[in-house]
Amino acid sequence: MVSLLLAAEVFAAAYLLGSIPFGLLLTRIAGLGDIRKVGSGSIGATNVLRTGNKSLAALTMLLDLGKGSLAVLLAEHFVPDLVLIAAAGAILGHVFTVWLRFQGGKGVATAAGILLALSWPVGVGAIVTWLVTVVATRISSAGALLASLMAPVYAWLATGDAGTTLFAAAISLLVILRHHANIRRLLAGEEPRIKLGKS
């Protein structure tokens, strides 16, 4: 029987890991100022890309993805019964980071990292869906929304486990809700496109 205190400790540790605002830290270290004053104001990789620094955007994505995976992998090793608690802490930490008055990122990369660690076929499926959609449309939010919609489907097909599928659906819903402004712009045909080439 897992104690409530242990569950709270695991959640808190995962939350603090997830709350590290890598996008903000990296752009400040690089002398690019406050990323929250650029583009959408988000601290995620897509907004970092709007600074023109593709390497920094890629590093932001990898670190945000990595913290989601790390929270799950550590929980699997030390407290396997609390893996989903750790996963929930990590994604909530990123989206509602305590260091930025609970105004964080949209959770796309961190959710992908969590799904990769929970079940790599699910994570790979979501990432490929995002990548193909972004390449086809050059709209990052479209990729994030489609990947979020497909993640629970991939979870059910890959694991057949109701708990994993419901959790995938829950974090996908959170990501979709965080994209409410993007959805409005998509419907209005006003969502900005990202530059994938050198031009």
Protein backbone atom coordinates (compact mmCIF):
# COMPACT_ATOMS: atom_id res chain seq x y z
CA MET A 1 0.00 0.00 0.00
CA VAL A 2 1.50 3.31 -1.09
CA SER A 3 1.24 6.05 1.51
CA LEU A 4 -0.30 9.42 0.69
CA LEU A 5 2.86 11.10 1.99
CA LEU A 6 5.06 9.18 -0.45
CA ALA A 7 2.67 9.95 -3.32
CA ALA A 8 2.76 13.64 -2.39
CA GLU A 9 6.57 13.60 -2.24
CA VAL A 10 6.84 11.92 -5.65
CA PHE A 11 4.38 14.38 -7.17
CA ALA A 12 6.24 17.35 -5.67
CA ALA A 13 9.64 16.12 -6.90
CA ALA A 14 8.29 15.50 -10.41
CA TYR A 15 6.52 18.86 -10.38
CA LEU A 16 9.75 20.69 -9.53
CA LEU A 17 11.61 18.82 -12.27
CA GLY A 18 8.89 19.62 -14.78
CA SER A 19 8.76 23.26 -13.71
CA ILE A 20 12.31 24.07 -14.89
CA PRO A 21 11.68 26.71 -17.63
CA PHE A 22 14.44 25.68 -20.01
CA GLY A 23 13.24 27.93 -22.84
CA LEU A 24 13.42 31.01 -20.64
CA LEU A 25 16.75 30.06 -19.08
CA LEU A 26 18.44 29.25 -22.39
CA THR A 27 17.31 32.40 -24.15
CA ARG A 28 18.47 34.55 -21.25
CA ILE A 29 21.85 32.79 -21.15
CA ALA A 30 22.16 33.35 -24.91
CA GLY A 31 21.47 37.05 -24.43
CA LEU A 32 18.14 36.96 -26.28
CA GLY A 33 16.15 38.54 -23.46
CA ASP A 34 12.85 37.36 -22.01
CA ILE A 35 11.22 34.80 -24.34
CA ARG A 36 7.86 35.70 -22.80
CA LYS A 37 8.03 39.02 -24.64
CA VAL A 38 8.48 37.31 -28.02
CA GLY A 39 5.76 35.89 -30.29
CA SER A 40 3.14 33.99 -28.33
CA GLY A 41 4.85 34.60 -25.00
CA SER A 42 5.25 30.88 -24.39
CA ILE A 43 8.47 29.40 -22.97
CA GLY A 44 8.42 26.41 -25.34
CA ALA A 45 10.60 25.47 -28.29
CA THR A 46 8.30 26.89 -30.98
CA ASN A 47 8.46 30.33 -29.43
CA VAL A 48 12.22 30.04 -28.93
CA LEU A 49 12.41 29.34 -32.66
CA ARG A 50 10.89 32.78 -33.26
CA THR A 51 14.11 34.32 -31.94
CA GLY A 52 15.80 32.90 -35.05
CA ASN A 53 18.04 30.56 -33.06
CA LYS A 54 17.19 27.07 -34.32
CA SER A 55 19.86 25.35 -32.24
CA LEU A 56 18.48 26.88 -29.06
CA ALA A 57 14.94 25.89 -30.04
CA ALA A 58 16.06 22.30 -30.64
CA LEU A 59 17.87 22.21 -27.29
CA THR A 60 14.79 23.60 -25.55
CA MET A 61 12.67 20.87 -27.10
CA LEU A 62 15.10 18.12 -26.09
CA LEU A 63 15.37 19.38 -22.51
CA ASP A 64 11.60 19.79 -22.12
CA LEU A 65 11.11 16.31 -23.55
CA GLY A 66 13.91 14.95 -21.37
CA LYS A 67 12.48 16.22 -18.10
CA GLY A 68 9.18 14.48 -18.83
CA SER A 69 10.94 11.20 -19.61
CA LEU A 70 13.27 11.51 -16.62
CA ALA A 71 10.41 11.97 -14.16
CA VAL A 72 8.76 8.79 -15.42
CA LEU A 73 11.96 6.74 -15.61
CA LEU A 74 13.02 7.69 -12.07
CA ALA A 75 9.59 6.76 -10.76
CA GLU A 76 9.67 3.44 -12.64
CA HIS A 77 12.99 2.64 -10.96
CA PHE A 78 12.28 3.76 -7.41
CA VAL A 79 8.47 3.81 -6.98
CA PRO A 80 6.88 1.90 -9.87
CA ASP A 81 3.42 2.12 -8.33
CA LEU A 82 3.56 5.91 -8.60
CA VAL A 83 4.66 6.32 -12.20
CA LEU A 84 1.49 8.10 -13.28
CA ILE A 85 1.68 10.38 -10.24
CA ALA A 86 5.18 11.39 -11.30
CA ALA A 87 4.07 11.85 -14.90
CA ALA A 88 1.21 14.09 -13.79
CA GLY A 89 3.56 16.13 -11.63
CA ALA A 90 6.00 16.67 -14.51
CA ILE A 91 3.42 17.88 -17.04
CA LEU A 92 1.67 20.12 -14.50
CA GLY A 93 5.02 21.52 -13.43
CA HIS A 94 5.81 22.52 -17.00
CA VAL A 95 2.39 23.99 -17.76
CA PHE A 96 1.96 25.73 -14.39
CA THR A 97 5.51 26.40 -13.27
CA VAL A 98 5.84 27.86 -9.80
CA TRP A 99 8.86 29.92 -10.85
CA LEU A 100 6.83 31.98 -13.34
CA ARG A 101 3.69 32.58 -11.26
CA PHE A 102 2.18 29.37 -12.62
CA GLN A 103 2.41 30.59 -16.23
CA GLY A 104 4.39 27.95 -18.11
CA GLY A 105 4.50 26.30 -21.50
CA LYS A 106 1.89 24.42 -23.49
CA GLY A 107 3.24 20.99 -22.59
CA VAL A 108 3.84 19.49 -26.04
CA ALA A 109 7.47 18.37 -25.68
CA THR A 110 7.11 17.39 -22.02
CA ALA A 111 4.01 15.32 -22.83
CA ALA A 112 5.93 13.62 -25.63
CA GLY A 113 8.75 12.77 -23.23
CA ILE A 114 6.29 11.32 -20.75
CA LEU A 115 4.62 9.18 -23.42
CA LEU A 116 8.00 7.96 -24.68
CA ALA A 117 8.94 6.78 -21.20
CA LEU A 118 5.54 5.22 -20.48
CA SER A 119 5.40 3.36 -23.81
CA TRP A 120 7.89 4.22 -26.53
CA PRO A 121 5.58 3.23 -29.43
CA VAL A 122 3.01 5.73 -28.16
CA GLY A 123 5.60 8.48 -27.83
CA VAL A 124 7.09 7.76 -31.24
CA GLY A 125 3.64 7.73 -32.82
CA ALA A 126 2.79 11.11 -31.30
CA ILE A 127 6.13 12.64 -32.30
CA VAL A 128 5.89 11.35 -35.88
CA THR A 129 2.34 12.69 -36.13
CA TRP A 130 3.50 16.09 -34.93
CA LEU A 131 6.51 16.10 -37.26
CA VAL A 132 4.61 15.05 -40.40
CA THR A 133 1.87 17.61 -39.72
CA VAL A 134 4.36 20.42 -39.12
CA VAL A 135 6.32 19.60 -42.28
CA ALA A 136 3.08 19.47 -44.29
CA THR A 137 1.49 22.62 -42.86
CA ARG A 138 4.37 24.54 -41.29
CA ILE A 139 2.05 25.17 -38.35
CA SER A 140 3.42 23.84 -35.06
CA SER A 141 0.10 24.09 -33.21
CA ALA A 142 -1.63 21.97 -35.86
CA GLY A 143 0.93 19.25 -35.28
CA ALA A 144 0.53 19.50 -31.51
CA LEU A 145 -3.26 19.30 -31.70
CA LEU A 146 -3.32 16.34 -34.09
CA ALA A 147 -0.67 14.48 -32.09
CA SER A 148 -2.70 15.11 -28.93
CA LEU A 149 -5.86 13.75 -30.52
CA MET A 150 -4.02 10.64 -31.73
CA ALA A 151 -2.03 9.91 -28.56
CA PRO A 152 -4.87 8.09 -26.71
CA VAL A 153 -5.53 6.04 -29.86
CA TYR A 154 -1.86 5.06 -30.05
CA ALA A 155 -1.89 4.26 -26.32
CA TRP A 156 -4.82 1.89 -26.69
CA LEU A 157 -3.40 0.21 -29.79
CA ALA A 158 0.10 -0.16 -28.31
CA THR A 159 -0.74 -1.15 -24.74
CA GLY A 160 -4.39 -2.15 -24.55
CA ASP A 161 -4.21 -0.74 -21.03
CA ALA A 162 -7.11 1.42 -19.90
CA GLY A 163 -5.06 3.31 -17.32
CA THR A 164 -2.33 4.31 -19.78
CA THR A 165 -4.94 5.23 -22.38
CA LEU A 166 -6.91 7.40 -19.96
CA PHE A 167 -3.75 9.11 -18.79
CA ALA A 168 -2.71 9.78 -22.39
CA ALA A 169 -6.16 11.24 -22.98
CA ALA A 170 -5.86 13.42 -19.87
CA ILE A 171 -2.53 14.98 -20.77
CA SER A 172 -3.67 15.34 -24.38
CA LEU A 173 -6.73 17.27 -23.18
CA LEU A 174 -4.48 19.52 -21.11
CA VAL A 175 -2.27 20.25 -24.14
CA ILE A 176 -5.34 20.98 -26.29
CA LEU A 177 -6.78 23.35 -23.66
CA ARG A 178 -3.44 25.18 -23.51
CA HIS A 179 -3.77 25.77 -27.25
CA HIS A 180 -7.14 27.55 -27.02
CA ALA A 181 -5.75 30.76 -28.54
CA ASN A 182 -4.06 28.78 -31.33
CA ILE A 183 -7.33 27.00 -32.10
CA ARG A 184 -9.10 30.33 -32.51
CA ARG A 185 -6.37 31.56 -34.87
CA LEU A 186 -6.45 28.30 -36.83
CA LEU A 187 -10.20 28.62 -37.34
CA ALA A 188 -9.72 32.21 -38.45
CA GLY A 189 -6.85 31.28 -40.77
CA GLU A 190 -4.51 33.56 -38.82
CA GLU A 191 -2.13 31.08 -37.18
CA PRO A 192 1.49 32.00 -38.06
CA ARG A 193 3.65 29.49 -39.88
CA ILE A 194 7.15 28.52 -38.87
CA LYS A 195 10.18 28.62 -41.13
CA LEU A 196 11.71 25.19 -41.71
CA GLY A 197 14.32 26.07 -44.30
CA LYS A 198 17.19 28.56 -44.43
CA SER A 199 15.12 31.35 -45.95
